Amino acid sequence: MAKRPRDLNQLAKLVVDIASGEVEDTVSPRLRATGSVRGRAGGIKGGAARAAALSVEERRTIAKNAANSRWRTDGKTR
Protein backbone atom coordinates (compact mmCIF):
# COMPACT_ATOMS: atom_id res chain seq x y z
CA MET A 1 0.00 0.00 0.00
CA ALA A 2 1.54 3.30 -1.09
CA LYS A 3 1.53 6.30 1.22
CA ARG A 4 -0.43 9.36 0.29
CA PRO A 5 1.64 12.31 -0.96
CA ARG A 6 2.52 14.96 1.60
CA ASP A 7 2.44 17.76 -0.96
CA LEU A 8 -1.03 19.33 -0.91
CA ASN A 9 -1.20 19.78 -4.69
CA GLN A 10 -0.32 16.15 -5.33
CA LEU A 11 -2.78 15.02 -2.65
CA ALA A 12 -5.54 17.14 -4.20
CA LYS A 13 -4.87 15.60 -7.62
CA LEU A 14 -4.97 12.12 -6.10
CA VAL A 15 -8.32 12.86 -4.44
CA VAL A 16 -9.76 14.09 -7.73
CA ASP A 17 -8.40 11.05 -9.56
CA ILE A 18 -9.96 8.72 -6.96
CA ALA A 19 -13.29 10.57 -7.13
CA SER A 20 -13.36 10.44 -10.93
CA GLY A 21 -12.47 6.74 -10.97
CA GLU A 22 -9.14 7.14 -12.78
CA VAL A 23 -7.23 5.67 -9.82
CA GLU A 24 -8.37 3.10 -7.26
CA ASP A 25 -8.14 4.07 -3.61
CA THR A 26 -5.33 2.14 -1.91
CA VAL A 27 -6.58 2.38 1.68
CA SER A 28 -7.93 -1.02 2.60
CA PRO A 29 -11.52 -1.30 3.87
CA ARG A 30 -10.20 -3.19 6.90
CA LEU A 31 -8.20 -0.15 7.99
CA ARG A 32 -11.18 2.16 7.54
CA ALA A 33 -13.41 -0.15 9.61
CA THR A 34 -10.81 -0.47 12.34
CA GLY A 35 -10.63 3.30 12.73
CA SER A 36 -14.38 3.71 13.02
CA VAL A 37 -14.63 0.93 15.60
CA ARG A 38 -11.85 2.45 17.67
CA GLY A 39 -13.47 5.88 17.47
CA ARG A 40 -16.81 4.52 18.60
CA ALA A 41 -15.22 2.65 21.51
CA GLY A 42 -13.59 5.85 22.71
CA GLY A 43 -16.86 7.73 22.46
CA ILE A 44 -18.70 5.12 24.48
CA LYS A 45 -16.08 5.17 27.22
CA GLY A 46 -15.81 8.97 27.18
CA GLY A 47 -19.30 9.72 28.47
CA ALA A 48 -18.97 7.43 31.45
CA ALA A 49 -15.50 8.72 32.28
CA ARG A 50 -16.70 12.31 32.10
CA ALA A 51 -19.70 11.58 34.34
CA ALA A 52 -17.48 9.88 36.89
CA ALA A 53 -15.16 12.89 36.97
CA LEU A 54 -17.95 15.44 37.55
CA SER A 55 -19.29 16.37 40.94
CA VAL A 56 -23.00 16.09 41.72
CA GLU A 57 -23.38 19.87 41.48
CA GLU A 58 -21.67 20.01 38.07
CA ARG A 59 -23.87 17.19 36.74
CA ARG A 60 -26.97 18.96 38.07
CA THR A 61 -25.98 22.22 36.32
CA ILE A 62 -25.34 20.43 33.04
CA ALA A 63 -28.68 18.61 33.28
CA LYS A 64 -30.56 21.86 34.01
CA ASN A 65 -28.96 23.58 31.02
CA ALA A 66 -29.83 20.63 28.79
CA ALA A 67 -33.45 20.60 29.96
CA ASN A 68 -33.76 24.37 29.48
CA SER A 69 -32.38 24.08 25.95
CA ARG A 70 -34.65 21.15 25.16
CA TRP A 71 -37.86 22.73 26.45
CA ARG A 72 -37.38 26.43 25.72
CA THR A 73 -40.31 28.17 24.06
CA ASP A 74 -38.74 31.15 22.31
CA GLY A 75 -40.34 30.26 18.98
CA LYS A 76 -37.50 28.08 17.75
CA THR A 77 -38.32 24.58 16.60
CA ARG A 78 -36.65 21.58 18.16
C-alpha atoms as a PDB file:
ATOM      1  CA  MET A   1       0.000   0.000   0.000  1.00  0.00           C
ATOM      2  CA  ALA A   2       1.540   3.304  -1.091  1.00  0.00           C
ATOM      3  CA  LYS A   3       1.535   6.296   1.220  1.00  0.00           C
ATOM      4  CA  ARG A   4      -0.434   9.361   0.294  1.00  0.00           C
ATOM      5  CA  PRO A   5       1.642  12.305  -0.961  1.00  0.00           C
ATOM      6  CA  ARG A   6       2.516  14.964   1.598  1.00  0.00           C
ATOM      7  CA  ASP A   7       2.439  17.758  -0.958  1.00  0.00           C
ATOM      8  CA  LEU A   8      -1.028  19.332  -0.913  1.00  0.00           C
ATOM      9  CA  ASN A   9      -1.198  19.780  -4.687  1.00  0.00           C
ATOM     10  CA  GLN A  10      -0.317  16.153  -5.326  1.00  0.00           C
ATOM     11  CA  LEU A  11      -2.779  15.025  -2.655  1.00  0.00           C
ATOM     12  CA  ALA A  12      -5.543  17.139  -4.204  1.00  0.00           C
ATOM     13  CA  LYS A  13      -4.871  15.602  -7.615  1.00  0.00           C
ATOM     14  CA  LEU A  14      -4.969  12.117  -6.102  1.00  0.00           C
ATOM     15  CA  VAL A  15      -8.316  12.864  -4.438  1.00  0.00           C
ATOM     16  CA  VAL A  16      -9.764  14.092  -7.733  1.00  0.00           C
ATOM     17  CA  ASP A  17      -8.398  11.046  -9.559  1.00  0.00           C
ATOM     18  CA  ILE A  18      -9.956   8.720  -6.964  1.00  0.00           C
ATOM     19  CA  ALA A  19     -13.292  10.570  -7.133  1.00  0.00           C
ATOM     20  CA  SER A  20     -13.365  10.442 -10.934  1.00  0.00           C
ATOM     21  CA  GLY A  21     -12.468   6.742 -10.974  1.00  0.00           C
ATOM     22  CA  GLU A  22      -9.145   7.139 -12.780  1.00  0.00           C
ATOM     23  CA  VAL A  23      -7.232   5.668  -9.825  1.00  0.00           C
ATOM     24  CA  GLU A  24      -8.367   3.104  -7.265  1.00  0.00           C
ATOM     25  CA  ASP A  25      -8.139   4.067  -3.610  1.00  0.00           C
ATOM     26  CA  THR A  26      -5.328   2.142  -1.909  1.00  0.00           C
ATOM     27  CA  VAL A  27      -6.577   2.381   1.675  1.00  0.00           C
ATOM     28  CA  SER A  28      -7.927  -1.020   2.604  1.00  0.00           C
ATOM     29  CA  PRO A  29     -11.520  -1.304   3.867  1.00  0.00           C
ATOM     30  CA  ARG A  30     -10.202  -3.192   6.899  1.00  0.00           C
ATOM     31  CA  LEU A  31      -8.197  -0.153   7.989  1.00  0.00           C
ATOM     32  CA  ARG A  32     -11.179   2.163   7.543  1.00  0.00           C
ATOM     33  CA  ALA A  33     -13.406  -0.149   9.607  1.00  0.00           C
ATOM     34  CA  THR A  34     -10.810  -0.468  12.341  1.00  0.00           C
ATOM     35  CA  GLY A  35     -10.627   3.303  12.731  1.00  0.00           C
ATOM     36  CA  SER A  36     -14.375   3.706  13.024  1.00  0.00           C
ATOM     37  CA  VAL A  37     -14.632   0.932  15.602  1.00  0.00           C
ATOM     38  CA  ARG A  38     -11.849   2.446  17.673  1.00  0.00           C
ATOM     39  CA  GLY A  39     -13.468   5.876  17.475  1.00  0.00           C
ATOM     40  CA  ARG A  40     -16.815   4.520  18.604  1.00  0.00           C
ATOM     41  CA  ALA A  41     -15.223   2.651  21.507  1.00  0.00           C
ATOM     42  CA  GLY A  42     -13.588   5.852  22.711  1.00  0.00           C
ATOM     43  CA  GLY A  43     -16.864   7.726  22.465  1.00  0.00           C
ATOM     44  CA  ILE A  44     -18.698   5.118  24.479  1.00  0.00           C
ATOM     45  CA  LYS A  45     -16.075   5.173  27.224  1.00  0.00           C
ATOM     46  CA  GLY A  46     -15.810   8.970  27.183  1.00  0.00           C
ATOM     47  CA  GLY A  47     -19.295   9.724  28.473  1.00  0.00           C
ATOM     48  CA  ALA A  48     -18.973   7.427  31.454  1.00  0.00           C
ATOM     49  CA  ALA A  49     -15.498   8.718  32.281  1.00  0.00           C
ATOM     50  CA  ARG A  50     -16.703  12.313  32.103  1.00  0.00           C
ATOM     51  CA  ALA A  51     -19.703  11.581  34.336  1.00  0.00           C
ATOM     52  CA  ALA A  52     -17.477   9.879  36.893  1.00  0.00           C
ATOM     53  CA  ALA A  53     -15.157  12.888  36.973  1.00  0.00           C
ATOM     54  CA  LEU A  54     -17.949  15.439  37.551  1.00  0.00           C
ATOM     55  CA  SER A  55     -19.294  16.373  40.941  1.00  0.00           C
ATOM     56  CA  VAL A  56     -22.999  16.086  41.719  1.00  0.00           C
ATOM     57  CA  GLU A  57     -23.383  19.872  41.483  1.00  0.00           C
ATOM     58  CA  GLU A  58     -21.674  20.007  38.074  1.00  0.00           C
ATOM     59  CA  ARG A  59     -23.872  17.193  36.745  1.00  0.00           C
ATOM     60  CA  ARG A  60     -26.969  18.964  38.067  1.00  0.00           C
ATOM     61  CA  THR A  61     -25.980  22.219  36.323  1.00  0.00           C
ATOM     62  CA  ILE A  62     -25.342  20.432  33.039  1.00  0.00           C
ATOM     63  CA  ALA A  63     -28.681  18.613  33.283  1.00  0.00           C
ATOM     64  CA  LYS A  64     -30.564  21.856  34.010  1.00  0.00           C
ATOM     65  CA  ASN A  65     -28.956  23.582  31.024  1.00  0.00           C
ATOM     66  CA  ALA A  66     -29.826  20.634  28.787  1.00  0.00           C
ATOM     67  CA  ALA A  67     -33.452  20.605  29.964  1.00  0.00           C
ATOM     68  CA  ASN A  68     -33.764  24.370  29.476  1.00  0.00           C
ATOM     69  CA  SER A  69     -32.384  24.082  25.951  1.00  0.00           C
ATOM     70  CA  ARG A  70     -34.650  21.154  25.159  1.00  0.00           C
ATOM     71  CA  TRP A  71     -37.864  22.727  26.449  1.00  0.00           C
ATOM     72  CA  ARG A  72     -37.385  26.428  25.717  1.00  0.00           C
ATOM     73  CA  THR A  73     -40.315  28.173  24.062  1.00  0.00           C
ATOM     74  CA  ASP A  74     -38.745  31.155  22.311  1.00  0.00           C
ATOM     75  CA  GLY A  75     -40.336  30.258  18.979  1.00  0.00           C
ATOM     76  CA  LYS A  76     -37.500  28.080  17.747  1.00  0.00           C
ATOM     77  CA  THR A  77     -38.321  24.583  16.596  1.00  0.00           C
ATOM     78  CA  ARG A  78     -36.649  21.579  18.161  1.00  0.00           C
END
